[in-house]
Amino acid sequence: MHYPIKFDTSVEVKTLTDLPRLKIILEAANLKPNMSKIARDMSCDRRTAKRYYEGDFPNGKRDKPSYLDVYYDTIKELLGPDS
């Protein structure tokens, strides 16, 4: 996907992680992005495209404790060398 810019340059966006670079250039040129077109070109939802455009990348892993964390000491005691 190429975006022609007024100051004789173009930006190639191949993945969603390239969108923050596009944001910097569009803001410098005082242009607004068309999130619907970006989303269509990237084959994703426009809200996902906007989230990546704003630089909010998902970290991929939730910080959630395991159900067994509460019982960890008990399990360790039961499976220890004395059992």
N, C-alpha and C. Protein backbone atom coordinates (compact mmCIF):
# COMPACT_ATOMS: atom_id res chain seq x y z
N MET A 1 0.85 -1.15 0.00
CA MET A 1 0.00 0.00 0.00
C MET A 1 0.91 1.23 0.00
N HIS A 2 0.71 2.13 -0.93
CA HIS A 2 1.50 3.35 -1.04
C HIS A 2 0.61 4.56 -0.80
N TYR A 3 1.15 5.54 -0.09
CA TYR A 3 0.45 6.78 0.15
C TYR A 3 1.26 7.92 -0.47
N PRO A 4 0.74 8.55 -1.49
CA PRO A 4 1.46 9.70 -2.04
C PRO A 4 1.38 10.89 -1.08
N ILE A 5 2.48 11.53 -0.86
CA ILE A 5 2.55 12.67 0.05
C ILE A 5 2.90 13.91 -0.77
N LYS A 6 2.46 15.07 -0.30
CA LYS A 6 2.65 16.32 -1.03
C LYS A 6 4.11 16.67 -1.28
N PHE A 7 5.00 16.28 -0.40
CA PHE A 7 6.39 16.67 -0.57
C PHE A 7 7.20 15.58 -1.26
N ASP A 8 6.65 15.05 -2.33
CA ASP A 8 7.32 14.13 -3.25
C ASP A 8 7.97 12.93 -2.57
N THR A 9 7.20 12.24 -1.79
CA THR A 9 7.66 10.99 -1.19
C THR A 9 6.46 10.07 -1.02
N SER A 10 6.73 8.81 -0.91
CA SER A 10 5.65 7.85 -0.67
C SER A 10 6.09 6.88 0.42
N VAL A 11 5.12 6.35 1.11
CA VAL A 11 5.39 5.44 2.21
C VAL A 11 4.77 4.10 1.88
N GLU A 12 5.54 3.05 2.02
CA GLU A 12 5.00 1.71 1.79
C GLU A 12 4.72 1.07 3.14
N VAL A 13 3.47 0.70 3.34
CA VAL A 13 3.04 0.06 4.58
C VAL A 13 2.71 -1.38 4.26
N LYS A 14 3.51 -2.29 4.78
CA LYS A 14 3.30 -3.72 4.50
C LYS A 14 2.60 -4.43 5.65
N THR A 15 2.86 -4.00 6.87
CA THR A 15 2.25 -4.64 8.04
C THR A 15 1.65 -3.59 8.95
N LEU A 16 0.89 -4.04 9.92
CA LEU A 16 0.27 -3.12 10.87
C LEU A 16 1.31 -2.40 11.71
N THR A 17 2.44 -3.02 11.94
CA THR A 17 3.47 -2.38 12.76
C THR A 17 4.17 -1.23 12.04
N ASP A 18 3.93 -1.06 10.74
CA ASP A 18 4.48 0.07 9.99
C ASP A 18 3.63 1.33 10.13
N LEU A 19 2.45 1.21 10.69
CA LEU A 19 1.52 2.34 10.75
C LEU A 19 2.01 3.52 11.60
N PRO A 20 2.75 3.33 12.70
CA PRO A 20 3.25 4.50 13.42
C PRO A 20 4.18 5.39 12.57
N ARG A 21 4.96 4.79 11.66
CA ARG A 21 5.78 5.59 10.74
C ARG A 21 4.90 6.43 9.82
N LEU A 22 3.81 5.82 9.36
CA LEU A 22 2.87 6.54 8.51
C LEU A 22 2.26 7.71 9.27
N LYS A 23 1.97 7.51 10.55
CA LYS A 23 1.39 8.58 11.36
C LYS A 23 2.32 9.79 11.43
N ILE A 24 3.60 9.54 11.64
CA ILE A 24 4.57 10.63 11.74
C ILE A 24 4.61 11.44 10.45
N ILE A 25 4.61 10.75 9.33
CA ILE A 25 4.69 11.43 8.04
C ILE A 25 3.40 12.19 7.73
N LEU A 26 2.26 11.56 8.00
CA LEU A 26 0.99 12.23 7.72
C LEU A 26 0.79 13.45 8.61
N GLU A 27 1.22 13.37 9.86
CA GLU A 27 1.11 14.53 10.74
C GLU A 27 2.04 15.65 10.29
N ALA A 28 3.21 15.31 9.79
CA ALA A 28 4.14 16.32 9.29
C ALA A 28 3.58 17.01 8.05
N ALA A 29 2.84 16.26 7.24
CA ALA A 29 2.24 16.82 6.03
C ALA A 29 0.87 17.42 6.30
N ASN A 30 0.42 17.36 7.54
CA ASN A 30 -0.87 17.91 7.95
C ASN A 30 -2.03 17.22 7.22
N LEU A 31 -1.93 15.89 7.09
CA LEU A 31 -2.96 15.09 6.45
C LEU A 31 -3.61 14.16 7.46
N LYS A 32 -4.84 13.75 7.16
CA LYS A 32 -5.54 12.81 8.03
C LYS A 32 -5.62 11.45 7.33
N PRO A 33 -5.45 10.37 8.09
CA PRO A 33 -5.50 9.04 7.48
C PRO A 33 -6.94 8.59 7.24
N ASN A 34 -7.13 7.77 6.24
CA ASN A 34 -8.41 7.14 5.98
C ASN A 34 -8.34 5.74 6.59
N MET A 35 -8.82 5.60 7.82
CA MET A 35 -8.70 4.34 8.55
C MET A 35 -9.44 3.21 7.86
N SER A 36 -10.55 3.50 7.22
CA SER A 36 -11.30 2.45 6.52
C SER A 36 -10.48 1.88 5.37
N LYS A 37 -9.82 2.75 4.62
CA LYS A 37 -8.99 2.28 3.50
C LYS A 37 -7.77 1.51 4.01
N ILE A 38 -7.16 2.02 5.06
CA ILE A 38 -6.01 1.33 5.65
C ILE A 38 -6.43 -0.06 6.12
N ALA A 39 -7.58 -0.14 6.79
CA ALA A 39 -8.07 -1.43 7.29
C ALA A 39 -8.37 -2.39 6.15
N ARG A 40 -8.97 -1.89 5.08
CA ARG A 40 -9.24 -2.75 3.93
C ARG A 40 -7.95 -3.28 3.32
N ASP A 41 -6.96 -2.41 3.18
CA ASP A 41 -5.68 -2.81 2.60
C ASP A 41 -4.92 -3.80 3.50
N MET A 42 -5.09 -3.67 4.81
CA MET A 42 -4.42 -4.54 5.76
C MET A 42 -5.25 -5.77 6.13
N SER A 43 -6.47 -5.84 5.63
CA SER A 43 -7.39 -6.96 5.93
C SER A 43 -7.64 -7.11 7.43
N CYS A 44 -7.99 -5.99 8.06
CA CYS A 44 -8.31 -6.03 9.48
C CYS A 44 -9.44 -5.04 9.74
N ASP A 45 -9.90 -5.01 10.97
CA ASP A 45 -10.95 -4.07 11.36
C ASP A 45 -10.36 -2.66 11.47
N ARG A 46 -11.18 -1.66 11.23
CA ARG A 46 -10.67 -0.28 11.27
C ARG A 46 -10.23 0.12 12.67
N ARG A 47 -10.87 -0.46 13.70
CA ARG A 47 -10.45 -0.15 15.07
C ARG A 47 -9.07 -0.75 15.37
N THR A 48 -8.80 -1.92 14.82
CA THR A 48 -7.48 -2.52 14.98
C THR A 48 -6.43 -1.68 14.27
N ALA A 49 -6.75 -1.22 13.06
CA ALA A 49 -5.82 -0.37 12.31
C ALA A 49 -5.55 0.92 13.07
N LYS A 50 -6.58 1.50 13.67
CA LYS A 50 -6.40 2.74 14.41
C LYS A 50 -5.54 2.52 15.65
N ARG A 51 -5.75 1.39 16.32
CA ARG A 51 -4.96 1.08 17.52
C ARG A 51 -3.47 0.97 17.15
N TYR A 52 -3.16 0.30 16.05
CA TYR A 52 -1.77 0.19 15.62
C TYR A 52 -1.25 1.55 15.13
N TYR A 53 -2.09 2.33 14.47
CA TYR A 53 -1.70 3.65 13.98
C TYR A 53 -1.31 4.56 15.15
N GLU A 54 -2.05 4.44 16.25
CA GLU A 54 -1.76 5.25 17.43
C GLU A 54 -0.55 4.73 18.20
N GLY A 55 -0.05 3.55 17.84
CA GLY A 55 1.14 3.01 18.48
C GLY A 55 0.84 2.13 19.68
N ASP A 56 -0.40 1.70 19.85
CA ASP A 56 -0.79 0.86 20.97
C ASP A 56 -0.74 -0.60 20.55
N PHE A 57 0.44 -1.21 20.68
CA PHE A 57 0.61 -2.60 20.27
C PHE A 57 0.22 -3.52 21.42
N PRO A 58 -0.49 -4.59 21.12
CA PRO A 58 -0.78 -5.56 22.18
C PRO A 58 0.48 -6.30 22.58
N ASN A 59 0.62 -6.58 23.88
CA ASN A 59 1.84 -7.25 24.35
C ASN A 59 1.79 -8.75 24.12
N GLY A 60 0.64 -9.31 23.82
CA GLY A 60 0.53 -10.71 23.47
C GLY A 60 0.30 -11.66 24.63
N LYS A 61 0.58 -11.25 25.84
CA LYS A 61 0.40 -12.13 26.98
C LYS A 61 -0.29 -11.37 28.11
N ARG A 62 -1.35 -11.98 28.61
CA ARG A 62 -2.06 -11.38 29.73
C ARG A 62 -1.35 -11.73 31.03
N ASP A 63 -1.33 -10.81 31.95
CA ASP A 63 -0.72 -11.04 33.25
C ASP A 63 -1.82 -11.55 34.18
N LYS A 64 -2.09 -12.85 34.09
CA LYS A 64 -3.17 -13.45 34.84
C LYS A 64 -2.61 -14.62 35.66
N PRO A 65 -2.89 -14.65 36.96
CA PRO A 65 -2.38 -15.77 37.76
C PRO A 65 -3.09 -17.07 37.44
N SER A 66 -2.41 -18.17 37.68
CA SER A 66 -2.98 -19.49 37.45
C SER A 66 -3.91 -19.85 38.60
N TYR A 67 -4.87 -20.72 38.32
CA TYR A 67 -5.76 -21.19 39.37
C TYR A 67 -5.00 -22.02 40.41
N LEU A 68 -3.92 -22.63 40.00
CA LEU A 68 -3.16 -23.49 40.90
C LEU A 68 -2.16 -22.73 41.76
N ASP A 69 -1.96 -21.45 41.51
CA ASP A 69 -1.00 -20.67 42.29
C ASP A 69 -1.35 -20.66 43.78
N VAL A 70 -2.63 -20.69 44.09
CA VAL A 70 -3.08 -20.69 45.49
C VAL A 70 -2.65 -21.99 46.18
N TYR A 71 -2.66 -23.08 45.45
CA TYR A 71 -2.38 -24.40 46.01
C TYR A 71 -0.94 -24.85 45.76
N TYR A 72 -0.08 -23.99 45.28
CA TYR A 72 1.28 -24.37 44.90
C TYR A 72 2.06 -24.98 46.06
N ASP A 73 2.01 -24.33 47.22
CA ASP A 73 2.76 -24.84 48.37
C ASP A 73 2.24 -26.20 48.83
N THR A 74 0.91 -26.37 48.83
CA THR A 74 0.31 -27.65 49.24
C THR A 74 0.72 -28.76 48.28
N ILE A 75 0.68 -28.50 46.99
CA ILE A 75 1.06 -29.50 45.98
C ILE A 75 2.53 -29.85 46.13
N LYS A 76 3.36 -28.85 46.34
CA LYS A 76 4.80 -29.09 46.50
C LYS A 76 5.07 -29.95 47.74
N GLU A 77 4.32 -29.68 48.81
CA GLU A 77 4.48 -30.45 50.04
C GLU A 77 4.04 -31.91 49.84
N LEU A 78 2.93 -32.10 49.14
CA LEU A 78 2.41 -33.46 48.92
C LEU A 78 3.28 -34.27 47.97
N LEU A 79 3.92 -33.61 47.02
CA LEU A 79 4.75 -34.31 46.05
C LEU A 79 6.24 -34.29 46.41
N GLY A 80 6.55 -33.80 47.59
CA GLY A 80 7.95 -33.69 48.02
C GLY A 80 8.59 -35.05 48.28
N PRO A 81 9.85 -35.05 48.69
CA PRO A 81 10.58 -36.31 48.90
C PRO A 81 10.06 -37.13 50.08
N ASP A 82 9.29 -36.53 50.99
CA ASP A 82 8.78 -37.25 52.16
C ASP A 82 7.53 -38.07 51.86
N SER A 83 6.91 -37.89 50.70
CA SER A 83 5.65 -38.59 50.43
C SER A 83 5.82 -39.99 49.93
